[in-house]
Amino acid sequence: SSSELEYYDISLGWNVLPGEVFVGPGKAWNSAFYLIGGIGNAELADED
């Protein structure tokens, strides 16, 4: 059987903590901490 694991899924994500990361004088990057979850299919050893 195949020794590889292949998967695909669809998920919904939620940016729960948006903010900014300061990377130098006068420079900031937008940022976000997110949660995610979903459902899909995994194939391992020829089993779906």
All heavy atoms as atom14 arrays in JSON, in Angstrom:
{
  "sequence": "SSSELEYYDISLGWNVLPGEVFVGPGKAWNSAFYLIGGIGNAELADED",
  "atom14_mask": [
    [1, 1, 1, 1, 1, 1, 0, 0, 0, 0, 0, 0, 0, 0],
    [1, 1, 1, 1, 1, 1, 0, 0, 0, 0, 0, 0, 0, 0],
    [1, 1, 1, 1, 1, 1, 0, 0, 0, 0, 0, 0, 0, 0],
    [1, 1, 1, 1, 1, 1, 1, 1, 1, 0, 0, 0, 0, 0],
    [1, 1, 1, 1, 1, 1, 1, 1, 0, 0, 0, 0, 0, 0],
    [1, 1, 1, 1, 1, 1, 1, 1, 1, 0, 0, 0, 0, 0],
    [1, 1, 1, 1, 1, 1, 1, 1, 1, 1, 1, 1, 0, 0],
    [1, 1, 1, 1, 1, 1, 1, 1, 1, 1, 1, 1, 0, 0],
    [1, 1, 1, 1, 1, 1, 1, 1, 0, 0, 0, 0, 0, 0],
    [1, 1, 1, 1, 1, 1, 1, 1, 0, 0, 0, 0, 0, 0],
    [1, 1, 1, 1, 1, 1, 0, 0, 0, 0, 0, 0, 0, 0],
    [1, 1, 1, 1, 1, 1, 1, 1, 0, 0, 0, 0, 0, 0],
    [1, 1, 1, 1, 0, 0, 0, 0, 0, 0, 0, 0, 0, 0],
    [1, 1, 1, 1, 1, 1, 1, 1, 1, 1, 1, 1, 1, 1],
    [1, 1, 1, 1, 1, 1, 1, 1, 0, 0, 0, 0, 0, 0],
    [1, 1, 1, 1, 1, 1, 1, 0, 0, 0, 0, 0, 0, 0],
    [1, 1, 1, 1, 1, 1, 1, 1, 0, 0, 0, 0, 0, 0],
    [1, 1, 1, 1, 1, 1, 1, 0, 0, 0, 0, 0, 0, 0],
    [1, 1, 1, 1, 0, 0, 0, 0, 0, 0, 0, 0, 0, 0],
    [1, 1, 1, 1, 1, 1, 1, 1, 1, 0, 0, 0, 0, 0],
    [1, 1, 1, 1, 1, 1, 1, 0, 0, 0, 0, 0, 0, 0],
    [1, 1, 1, 1, 1, 1, 1, 1, 1, 1, 1, 0, 0, 0],
    [1, 1, 1, 1, 1, 1, 1, 0, 0, 0, 0, 0, 0, 0],
    [1, 1, 1, 1, 0, 0, 0, 0, 0, 0, 0, 0, 0, 0],
    [1, 1, 1, 1, 1, 1, 1, 0, 0, 0, 0, 0, 0, 0],
    [1, 1, 1, 1, 0, 0, 0, 0, 0, 0, 0, 0, 0, 0],
    [1, 1, 1, 1, 1, 1, 1, 1, 1, 0, 0, 0, 0, 0],
    [1, 1, 1, 1, 1, 0, 0, 0, 0, 0, 0, 0, 0, 0],
    [1, 1, 1, 1, 1, 1, 1, 1, 1, 1, 1, 1, 1, 1],
    [1, 1, 1, 1, 1, 1, 1, 1, 0, 0, 0, 0, 0, 0],
    [1, 1, 1, 1, 1, 1, 0, 0, 0, 0, 0, 0, 0, 0],
    [1, 1, 1, 1, 1, 0, 0, 0, 0, 0, 0, 0, 0, 0],
    [1, 1, 1, 1, 1, 1, 1, 1, 1, 1, 1, 0, 0, 0],
    [1, 1, 1, 1, 1, 1, 1, 1, 1, 1, 1, 1, 0, 0],
    [1, 1, 1, 1, 1, 1, 1, 1, 0, 0, 0, 0, 0, 0],
    [1, 1, 1, 1, 1, 1, 1, 1, 0, 0, 0, 0, 0, 0],
    [1, 1, 1, 1, 0, 0, 0, 0, 0, 0, 0, 0, 0, 0],
    [1, 1, 1, 1, 0, 0, 0, 0, 0, 0, 0, 0, 0, 0],
    [1, 1, 1, 1, 1, 1, 1, 1, 0, 0, 0, 0, 0, 0],
    [1, 1, 1, 1, 0, 0, 0, 0, 0, 0, 0, 0, 0, 0],
    [1, 1, 1, 1, 1, 1, 1, 1, 0, 0, 0, 0, 0, 0],
    [1, 1, 1, 1, 1, 0, 0, 0, 0, 0, 0, 0, 0, 0],
    [1, 1, 1, 1, 1, 1, 1, 1, 1, 0, 0, 0, 0, 0],
    [1, 1, 1, 1, 1, 1, 1, 1, 0, 0, 0, 0, 0, 0],
    [1, 1, 1, 1, 1, 0, 0, 0, 0, 0, 0, 0, 0, 0],
    [1, 1, 1, 1, 1, 1, 1, 1, 0, 0, 0, 0, 0, 0],
    [1, 1, 1, 1, 1, 1, 1, 1, 1, 0, 0, 0, 0, 0],
    [1, 1, 1, 1, 1, 1, 1, 1, 0, 0, 0, 0, 0, 0]
  ],
  "atom14_positions": [
    [[0.84, -1.2, 0.0], [0.0, 0.0, 0.0], [0.88, 1.25, 0.0], [2.08, 1.19, 0.3], [-0.92, 0.02, 1.23], [-1.72, -1.14, 1.26], [0.0, 0.0, 0.0], [0.0, 0.0, 0.0], [0.0, 0.0, 0.0], [0.0, 0.0, 0.0], [0.0, 0.0, 0.0], [0.0, 0.0, 0.0], [0.0, 0.0, 0.0], [0.0, 0.0, 0.0]],
    [[0.26, 2.37, -0.31], [1.01, 3.63, -0.32], [1.42, 4.01, 1.09], [0.64, 3.87, 2.04], [0.15, 4.74, -0.92], [0.79, 5.99, -0.8], [0.0, 0.0, 0.0], [0.0, 0.0, 0.0], [0.0, 0.0, 0.0], [0.0, 0.0, 0.0], [0.0, 0.0, 0.0], [0.0, 0.0, 0.0], [0.0, 0.0, 0.0], [0.0, 0.0, 0.0]],
    [[2.66, 4.47, 1.23], [3.14, 4.91, 2.55], [2.97, 6.41, 2.73], [3.52, 6.99, 3.67], [4.62, 4.54, 2.7], [5.4, 5.22, 1.73], [0.0, 0.0, 0.0], [0.0, 0.0, 0.0], [0.0, 0.0, 0.0], [0.0, 0.0, 0.0], [0.0, 0.0, 0.0], [0.0, 0.0, 0.0], [0.0, 0.0, 0.0], [0.0, 0.0, 0.0]],
    [[2.21, 7.05, 1.86], [1.99, 8.48, 1.95], [0.6, 8.78, 2.51], [-0.35, 8.03, 2.27], [2.13, 9.14, 0.57], [3.54, 9.08, 0.01], [3.63, 9.69, -1.36], [2.62, 9.67, -2.09], [4.71, 10.19, -1.73], [0.0, 0.0, 0.0], [0.0, 0.0, 0.0], [0.0, 0.0, 0.0], [0.0, 0.0, 0.0], [0.0, 0.0, 0.0]],
    [[0.51, 9.87, 3.24], [-0.77, 10.38, 3.7], [-1.11, 11.61, 2.85], [-0.32, 12.56, 2.79], [-0.7, 10.77, 5.18], [-1.87, 11.62, 5.71], [-3.19, 10.83, 5.65], [-1.59, 12.09, 7.13], [0.0, 0.0, 0.0], [0.0, 0.0, 0.0], [0.0, 0.0, 0.0], [0.0, 0.0, 0.0], [0.0, 0.0, 0.0], [0.0, 0.0, 0.0]],
    [[-2.24, 11.57, 2.2], [-2.76, 12.72, 1.44], [-4.08, 13.14, 2.05], [-4.88, 12.29, 2.45], [-2.96, 12.37, -0.03], [-1.68, 12.16, -0.82], [-1.97, 11.95, -2.3], [-2.11, 12.95, -3.02], [-2.06, 10.78, -2.72], [0.0, 0.0, 0.0], [0.0, 0.0, 0.0], [0.0, 0.0, 0.0], [0.0, 0.0, 0.0], [0.0, 0.0, 0.0]],
    [[-4.31, 14.43, 2.1], [-5.56, 14.91, 2.67], [-6.01, 16.19, 1.97], [-5.2, 16.91, 1.39], [-5.41, 15.18, 4.18], [-4.47, 16.32, 4.51], [-4.92, 17.63, 4.56], [-3.13, 16.07, 4.77], [-4.06, 18.68, 4.86], [-2.26, 17.11, 5.06], [-2.74, 18.41, 5.1], [-1.87, 19.44, 5.38], [0.0, 0.0, 0.0], [0.0, 0.0, 0.0]],
    [[-7.3, 16.43, 2.04], [-7.85, 17.71, 1.6], [-9.02, 18.02, 2.52], [-9.66, 17.12, 3.08], [-8.28, 17.67, 0.13], [-9.28, 16.6, -0.22], [-10.66, 16.8, -0.07], [-8.85, 15.36, -0.71], [-11.57, 15.82, -0.4], [-9.76, 14.37, -1.03], [-11.12, 14.6, -0.87], [-12.02, 13.61, -1.19], [0.0, 0.0, 0.0], [0.0, 0.0, 0.0]],
    [[-9.29, 19.31, 2.69], [-10.35, 19.71, 3.62], [-10.85, 21.09, 3.3], [-10.23, 21.85, 2.54], [-9.83, 19.64, 5.06], [-8.59, 20.49, 5.28], [-8.68, 21.73, 5.22], [-7.51, 19.89, 5.48], [0.0, 0.0, 0.0], [0.0, 0.0, 0.0], [0.0, 0.0, 0.0], [0.0, 0.0, 0.0], [0.0, 0.0, 0.0], [0.0, 0.0, 0.0]],
    [[-11.97, 21.43, 3.91], [-12.51, 22.79, 3.87], [-12.71, 23.23, 5.31], [-13.21, 22.47, 6.15], [-13.82, 22.88, 3.07], [-14.32, 24.33, 3.01], [-14.89, 21.95, 3.64], [-15.45, 24.55, 2.03], [0.0, 0.0, 0.0], [0.0, 0.0, 0.0], [0.0, 0.0, 0.0], [0.0, 0.0, 0.0], [0.0, 0.0, 0.0], [0.0, 0.0, 0.0]],
    [[-12.29, 24.46, 5.61], [-12.27, 24.93, 7.0], [-12.83, 26.35, 7.09], [-12.88, 27.09, 6.09], [-10.85, 24.91, 7.57], [-10.28, 23.62, 7.46], [0.0, 0.0, 0.0], [0.0, 0.0, 0.0], [0.0, 0.0, 0.0], [0.0, 0.0, 0.0], [0.0, 0.0, 0.0], [0.0, 0.0, 0.0], [0.0, 0.0, 0.0], [0.0, 0.0, 0.0]],
    [[-13.21, 26.72, 8.3], [-13.66, 28.08, 8.61], [-12.72, 28.66, 9.65], [-12.46, 28.04, 10.69], [-15.09, 28.07, 9.15], [-15.67, 29.44, 9.56], [-15.81, 30.35, 8.34], [-17.03, 29.27, 10.25], [0.0, 0.0, 0.0], [0.0, 0.0, 0.0], [0.0, 0.0, 0.0], [0.0, 0.0, 0.0], [0.0, 0.0, 0.0], [0.0, 0.0, 0.0]],
    [[-12.18, 29.86, 9.36], [-11.25, 30.51, 10.28], [-11.84, 31.78, 10.87], [-12.66, 32.46, 10.25], [0.0, 0.0, 0.0], [0.0, 0.0, 0.0], [0.0, 0.0, 0.0], [0.0, 0.0, 0.0], [0.0, 0.0, 0.0], [0.0, 0.0, 0.0], [0.0, 0.0, 0.0], [0.0, 0.0, 0.0], [0.0, 0.0, 0.0], [0.0, 0.0, 0.0]],
    [[-11.39, 32.12, 12.07], [-11.89, 33.3, 12.79], [-10.69, 34.06, 13.36], [-9.94, 33.53, 14.17], [-12.83, 32.86, 13.92], [-13.35, 33.98, 14.78], [-13.53, 35.28, 14.43], [-13.74, 33.87, 16.16], [-14.02, 36.0, 15.48], [-14.16, 35.16, 16.56], [-13.78, 32.83, 17.06], [-14.6, 35.41, 17.85], [-14.23, 33.09, 18.35], [-14.64, 34.37, 18.73]],
    [[-10.52, 35.3, 12.92], [-9.46, 36.17, 13.44], [-9.92, 36.75, 14.77], [-10.63, 37.76, 14.82], [-9.14, 37.3, 12.45], [-8.61, 36.78, 11.13], [-7.78, 35.89, 11.09], [-9.1, 37.34, 10.03], [0.0, 0.0, 0.0], [0.0, 0.0, 0.0], [0.0, 0.0, 0.0], [0.0, 0.0, 0.0], [0.0, 0.0, 0.0], [0.0, 0.0, 0.0]],
    [[-9.5, 36.13, 15.85], [-10.02, 36.52, 17.16], [-9.25, 37.67, 17.8], [-9.8, 38.41, 18.61], [-10.04, 35.31, 18.13], [-11.03, 34.28, 17.66], [-8.67, 34.68, 18.26], [0.0, 0.0, 0.0], [0.0, 0.0, 0.0], [0.0, 0.0, 0.0], [0.0, 0.0, 0.0], [0.0, 0.0, 0.0], [0.0, 0.0, 0.0], [0.0, 0.0, 0.0]],
    [[-7.97, 37.82, 17.47], [-7.16, 38.87, 18.1], [-6.37, 39.63, 17.04], [-5.17, 39.45, 16.87], [-6.19, 38.26, 19.13], [-6.79, 37.66, 20.39], [-5.71, 37.0, 21.23], [-7.51, 38.73, 21.21], [0.0, 0.0, 0.0], [0.0, 0.0, 0.0], [0.0, 0.0, 0.0], [0.0, 0.0, 0.0], [0.0, 0.0, 0.0], [0.0, 0.0, 0.0]],
    [[-7.05, 40.54, 16.3], [-6.31, 41.36, 15.34], [-5.47, 42.41, 16.05], [-5.83, 42.87, 17.15], [-7.43, 42.02, 14.51], [-8.6, 42.04, 15.43], [-8.49, 40.81, 16.3], [0.0, 0.0, 0.0], [0.0, 0.0, 0.0], [0.0, 0.0, 0.0], [0.0, 0.0, 0.0], [0.0, 0.0, 0.0], [0.0, 0.0, 0.0], [0.0, 0.0, 0.0]],
    [[-4.35, 42.79, 15.46], [-3.48, 43.78, 16.09], [-2.38, 44.21, 15.15], [-2.52, 44.14, 13.92], [0.0, 0.0, 0.0], [0.0, 0.0, 0.0], [0.0, 0.0, 0.0], [0.0, 0.0, 0.0], [0.0, 0.0, 0.0], [0.0, 0.0, 0.0], [0.0, 0.0, 0.0], [0.0, 0.0, 0.0], [0.0, 0.0, 0.0], [0.0, 0.0, 0.0]],
    [[-1.27, 44.66, 15.73], [-0.12, 45.13, 14.96], [1.17, 44.62, 15.59], [1.25, 44.45, 16.81], [-0.08, 46.65, 14.88], [-1.24, 47.26, 14.11], [-1.2, 48.79, 14.13], [-0.36, 49.34, 14.87], [-2.0, 49.41, 13.42], [0.0, 0.0, 0.0], [0.0, 0.0, 0.0], [0.0, 0.0, 0.0], [0.0, 0.0, 0.0], [0.0, 0.0, 0.0]],
    [[2.15, 44.37, 14.74], [3.49, 43.98, 15.18], [4.45, 45.08, 14.74], [4.54, 45.4, 13.55], [3.92, 42.63, 14.56], [5.37, 42.33, 14.92], [3.01, 41.52, 15.05], [0.0, 0.0, 0.0], [0.0, 0.0, 0.0], [0.0, 0.0, 0.0], [0.0, 0.0, 0.0], [0.0, 0.0, 0.0], [0.0, 0.0, 0.0], [0.0, 0.0, 0.0]],
    [[5.16, 45.69, 15.7], [6.1, 46.76, 15.38], [7.46, 46.15, 15.04], [8.02, 45.38, 15.81], [6.22, 47.73, 16.56], [4.97, 48.52, 16.81], [3.99, 48.03, 17.67], [4.75, 49.72, 16.17], [2.82, 48.74, 17.89], [3.57, 50.44, 16.38], [2.62, 49.95, 17.24], [0.0, 0.0, 0.0], [0.0, 0.0, 0.0], [0.0, 0.0, 0.0]],
    [[7.96, 46.5, 13.85], [9.2, 45.9, 13.36], [10.31, 46.93, 13.19], [11.36, 46.62, 12.64], [8.94, 45.19, 12.01], [8.03, 44.01, 12.2], [8.34, 46.15, 10.99], [0.0, 0.0, 0.0], [0.0, 0.0, 0.0], [0.0, 0.0, 0.0], [0.0, 0.0, 0.0], [0.0, 0.0, 0.0], [0.0, 0.0, 0.0], [0.0, 0.0, 0.0]],
    [[10.11, 48.14, 13.68], [11.13, 49.17, 13.59], [10.51, 50.54, 13.8], [9.28, 50.67, 13.92], [0.0, 0.0, 0.0], [0.0, 0.0, 0.0], [0.0, 0.0, 0.0], [0.0, 0.0, 0.0], [0.0, 0.0, 0.0], [0.0, 0.0, 0.0], [0.0, 0.0, 0.0], [0.0, 0.0, 0.0], [0.0, 0.0, 0.0], [0.0, 0.0, 0.0]],
    [[11.34, 51.59, 13.84], [10.81, 52.95, 14.03], [9.86, 53.32, 12.9], [10.21, 53.29, 11.73], [12.08, 53.82, 14.0], [13.2, 52.89, 14.33], [12.81, 51.56, 13.76], [0.0, 0.0, 0.0], [0.0, 0.0, 0.0], [0.0, 0.0, 0.0], [0.0, 0.0, 0.0], [0.0, 0.0, 0.0], [0.0, 0.0, 0.0], [0.0, 0.0, 0.0]],
    [[8.62, 53.65, 13.26], [7.64, 54.08, 12.28], [7.15, 52.98, 11.36], [6.56, 53.27, 10.33], [0.0, 0.0, 0.0], [0.0, 0.0, 0.0], [0.0, 0.0, 0.0], [0.0, 0.0, 0.0], [0.0, 0.0, 0.0], [0.0, 0.0, 0.0], [0.0, 0.0, 0.0], [0.0, 0.0, 0.0], [0.0, 0.0, 0.0], [0.0, 0.0, 0.0]],
    [[7.37, 51.72, 11.71], [6.96, 50.61, 10.84], [6.19, 49.58, 11.65], [6.65, 49.12, 12.69], [8.2, 49.94, 10.23], [7.9, 48.84, 9.22], [7.27, 49.38, 7.95], [7.11, 48.28, 6.92], [6.51, 48.78, 5.66], [0.0, 0.0, 0.0], [0.0, 0.0, 0.0], [0.0, 0.0, 0.0], [0.0, 0.0, 0.0], [0.0, 0.0, 0.0]],
    [[5.01, 49.22, 11.15], [4.18, 48.22, 11.82], [3.51, 47.34, 10.78], [3.17, 47.79, 9.69], [3.13, 48.88, 12.7], [0.0, 0.0, 0.0], [0.0, 0.0, 0.0], [0.0, 0.0, 0.0], [0.0, 0.0, 0.0], [0.0, 0.0, 0.0], [0.0, 0.0, 0.0], [0.0, 0.0, 0.0], [0.0, 0.0, 0.0], [0.0, 0.0, 0.0]],
    [[3.35, 46.07, 11.13], [2.65, 45.11, 10.27], [1.35, 44.72, 10.95], [1.31, 44.45, 12.15], [3.49, 43.86, 10.05], [4.75, 44.06, 9.27], [5.1, 45.17, 8.56], [5.84, 43.14, 9.14], [6.33, 45.0, 7.98], [6.81, 43.75, 8.31], [6.07, 41.85, 9.61], [8.0, 43.13, 7.98], [7.26, 41.22, 9.27], [8.21, 41.86, 8.46]],
    [[0.26, 44.68, 10.17], [-0.99, 44.15, 10.7], [-0.82, 42.67, 11.02], [-0.1, 41.94, 10.32], [-2.12, 44.33, 9.7], [-2.78, 45.69, 9.82], [-2.54, 46.42, 10.77], [-3.61, 46.04, 8.86], [0.0, 0.0, 0.0], [0.0, 0.0, 0.0], [0.0, 0.0, 0.0], [0.0, 0.0, 0.0], [0.0, 0.0, 0.0], [0.0, 0.0, 0.0]],
    [[-1.47, 42.21, 12.06], [-1.35, 40.82, 12.47], [-2.69, 40.33, 13.0], [-3.6, 41.12, 13.28], [-0.27, 40.68, 13.55], [-0.66, 41.37, 14.73], [0.0, 0.0, 0.0], [0.0, 0.0, 0.0], [0.0, 0.0, 0.0], [0.0, 0.0, 0.0], [0.0, 0.0, 0.0], [0.0, 0.0, 0.0], [0.0, 0.0, 0.0], [0.0, 0.0, 0.0]],
    [[-2.79, 39.01, 13.15], [-4.0, 38.42, 13.72], [-3.69, 37.03, 14.25], [-2.97, 36.25, 13.6], [-5.11, 38.35, 12.68], [0.0, 0.0, 0.0], [0.0, 0.0, 0.0], [0.0, 0.0, 0.0], [0.0, 0.0, 0.0], [0.0, 0.0, 0.0], [0.0, 0.0, 0.0], [0.0, 0.0, 0.0], [0.0, 0.0, 0.0], [0.0, 0.0, 0.0]],
    [[-4.23, 36.73, 15.41], [-4.24, 35.37, 15.94], [-5.59, 34.77, 15.57], [-6.63, 35.39, 15.79], [-4.06, 35.39, 17.46], [-4.16, 34.03, 18.09], [-3.07, 33.18, 18.13], [-5.36, 33.6, 18.65], [-3.15, 31.92, 18.71], [-5.47, 32.35, 19.23], [-4.36, 31.51, 19.26], [0.0, 0.0, 0.0], [0.0, 0.0, 0.0], [0.0, 0.0, 0.0]],
    [[-5.6, 33.59, 14.97], [-6.85, 33.02, 14.49], [-7.06, 31.59, 15.0], [-6.11, 30.88, 15.33], [-6.91, 33.05, 12.96], [-5.85, 32.23, 12.26], [-6.04, 30.87, 11.99], [-4.65, 32.81, 11.87], [-5.06, 30.12, 11.36], [-3.66, 32.07, 11.23], [-3.88, 30.72, 10.98], [-2.9, 29.98, 10.36], [0.0, 0.0, 0.0], [0.0, 0.0, 0.0]],
    [[-8.32, 31.2, 15.03], [-8.73, 29.82, 15.29], [-9.32, 29.26, 14.01], [-9.95, 29.99, 13.24], [-9.77, 29.77, 16.41], [-9.35, 30.35, 17.77], [-10.52, 30.3, 18.74], [-8.15, 29.59, 18.33], [0.0, 0.0, 0.0], [0.0, 0.0, 0.0], [0.0, 0.0, 0.0], [0.0, 0.0, 0.0], [0.0, 0.0, 0.0], [0.0, 0.0, 0.0]],
    [[-9.14, 27.96, 13.77], [-9.63, 27.36, 12.54], [-10.05, 25.93, 12.78], [-9.51, 25.24, 13.66], [-8.54, 27.45, 11.43], [-9.14, 27.13, 10.07], [-7.35, 26.56, 11.76], [-8.25, 27.53, 8.91], [0.0, 0.0, 0.0], [0.0, 0.0, 0.0], [0.0, 0.0, 0.0], [0.0, 0.0, 0.0], [0.0, 0.0, 0.0], [0.0, 0.0, 0.0]],
    [[-11.04, 25.48, 12.02], [-11.5, 24.1, 12.12], [-12.27, 23.72, 10.88], [-12.85, 24.58, 10.21], [0.0, 0.0, 0.0], [0.0, 0.0, 0.0], [0.0, 0.0, 0.0], [0.0, 0.0, 0.0], [0.0, 0.0, 0.0], [0.0, 0.0, 0.0], [0.0, 0.0, 0.0], [0.0, 0.0, 0.0], [0.0, 0.0, 0.0], [0.0, 0.0, 0.0]],
    [[-12.26, 22.42, 10.53], [-12.96, 22.0, 9.34], [-13.05, 20.5, 9.21], [-12.73, 19.75, 10.14], [0.0, 0.0, 0.0], [0.0, 0.0, 0.0], [0.0, 0.0, 0.0], [0.0, 0.0, 0.0], [0.0, 0.0, 0.0], [0.0, 0.0, 0.0], [0.0, 0.0, 0.0], [0.0, 0.0, 0.0], [0.0, 0.0, 0.0], [0.0, 0.0, 0.0]],
    [[-13.48, 20.06, 8.03], [-13.69, 18.65, 7.76], [-13.21, 18.34, 6.35], [-13.23, 19.21, 5.46], [-15.19, 18.28, 7.93], [-15.38, 16.77, 7.87], [-16.05, 19.0, 6.89], [-16.79, 16.33, 8.25], [0.0, 0.0, 0.0], [0.0, 0.0, 0.0], [0.0, 0.0, 0.0], [0.0, 0.0, 0.0], [0.0, 0.0, 0.0], [0.0, 0.0, 0.0]],
    [[-12.76, 17.1, 6.15], [-12.28, 16.72, 4.84], [-12.05, 15.23, 4.74], [-12.73, 14.43, 5.4], [0.0, 0.0, 0.0], [0.0, 0.0, 0.0], [0.0, 0.0, 0.0], [0.0, 0.0, 0.0], [0.0, 0.0, 0.0], [0.0, 0.0, 0.0], [0.0, 0.0, 0.0], [0.0, 0.0, 0.0], [0.0, 0.0, 0.0], [0.0, 0.0, 0.0]],
    [[-11.08, 14.84, 3.95], [-10.78, 13.44, 3.69], [-9.29, 13.2, 3.84], [-8.46, 14.03, 3.45], [-11.22, 13.07, 2.27], [-10.97, 11.6, 1.95], [-11.76, 10.74, 2.32], [-9.87, 11.31, 1.27], [0.0, 0.0, 0.0], [0.0, 0.0, 0.0], [0.0, 0.0, 0.0], [0.0, 0.0, 0.0], [0.0, 0.0, 0.0], [0.0, 0.0, 0.0]],
    [[-8.94, 12.06, 4.42], [-7.54, 11.65, 4.55], [-7.39, 10.25, 3.97], [-8.2, 9.35, 4.26], [-7.11, 11.66, 6.01], [0.0, 0.0, 0.0], [0.0, 0.0, 0.0], [0.0, 0.0, 0.0], [0.0, 0.0, 0.0], [0.0, 0.0, 0.0], [0.0, 0.0, 0.0], [0.0, 0.0, 0.0], [0.0, 0.0, 0.0], [0.0, 0.0, 0.0]],
    [[-6.35, 10.07, 3.16], [-6.07, 8.76, 2.56], [-4.74, 8.24, 3.08], [-3.7, 8.86, 2.87], [-6.04, 8.85, 1.04], [-5.78, 7.51, 0.37], [-5.74, 7.61, -1.14], [-6.12, 8.67, -1.68], [-5.3, 6.64, -1.8], [0.0, 0.0, 0.0], [0.0, 0.0, 0.0], [0.0, 0.0, 0.0], [0.0, 0.0, 0.0], [0.0, 0.0, 0.0]],
    [[-4.79, 7.1, 3.76], [-3.59, 6.48, 4.32], [-3.67, 4.99, 4.09], [-4.69, 4.36, 4.39], [-3.47, 6.78, 5.81], [-2.32, 6.11, 6.56], [-0.97, 6.56, 6.01], [-2.41, 6.41, 8.06], [0.0, 0.0, 0.0], [0.0, 0.0, 0.0], [0.0, 0.0, 0.0], [0.0, 0.0, 0.0], [0.0, 0.0, 0.0], [0.0, 0.0, 0.0]],
    [[-2.61, 4.4, 3.54], [-2.57, 2.96, 3.24], [-3.74, 2.56, 2.36], [-4.39, 1.52, 2.58], [-2.55, 2.16, 4.54], [0.0, 0.0, 0.0], [0.0, 0.0, 0.0], [0.0, 0.0, 0.0], [0.0, 0.0, 0.0], [0.0, 0.0, 0.0], [0.0, 0.0, 0.0], [0.0, 0.0, 0.0], [0.0, 0.0, 0.0], [0.0, 0.0, 0.0]],
    [[-4.04, 3.39, 1.36], [-5.11, 3.14, 0.39], [-6.49, 3.12, 1.03], [-7.44, 2.57, 0.46], [-4.86, 1.83, -0.37], [-3.57, 1.86, -1.18], [-3.17, 2.97, -1.59], [-2.97, 0.79, -1.38], [0.0, 0.0, 0.0], [0.0, 0.0, 0.0], [0.0, 0.0, 0.0], [0.0, 0.0, 0.0], [0.0, 0.0, 0.0], [0.0, 0.0, 0.0]],
    [[-6.64, 3.7, 2.22], [-7.93, 3.8, 2.88], [-8.35, 5.27, 2.94], [-7.56, 6.13, 3.32], [-7.88, 3.24, 4.3], [-7.59, 1.75, 4.38], [-7.54, 1.28, 5.83], [-7.68, 2.14, 6.74], [-7.37, 0.07, 6.05], [0.0, 0.0, 0.0], [0.0, 0.0, 0.0], [0.0, 0.0, 0.0], [0.0, 0.0, 0.0], [0.0, 0.0, 0.0]],
    [[-9.59, 5.55, 2.57], [-10.15, 6.9, 2.65], [-10.95, 7.04, 3.93], [-11.85, 6.23, 4.19], [-11.04, 7.2, 1.45], [-10.24, 7.39, 0.18], [-9.18, 8.04, 0.24], [-10.67, 6.9, -0.89], [0.0, 0.0, 0.0], [0.0, 0.0, 0.0], [0.0, 0.0, 0.0], [0.0, 0.0, 0.0], [0.0, 0.0, 0.0], [0.0, 0.0, 0.0]]
  ]
}
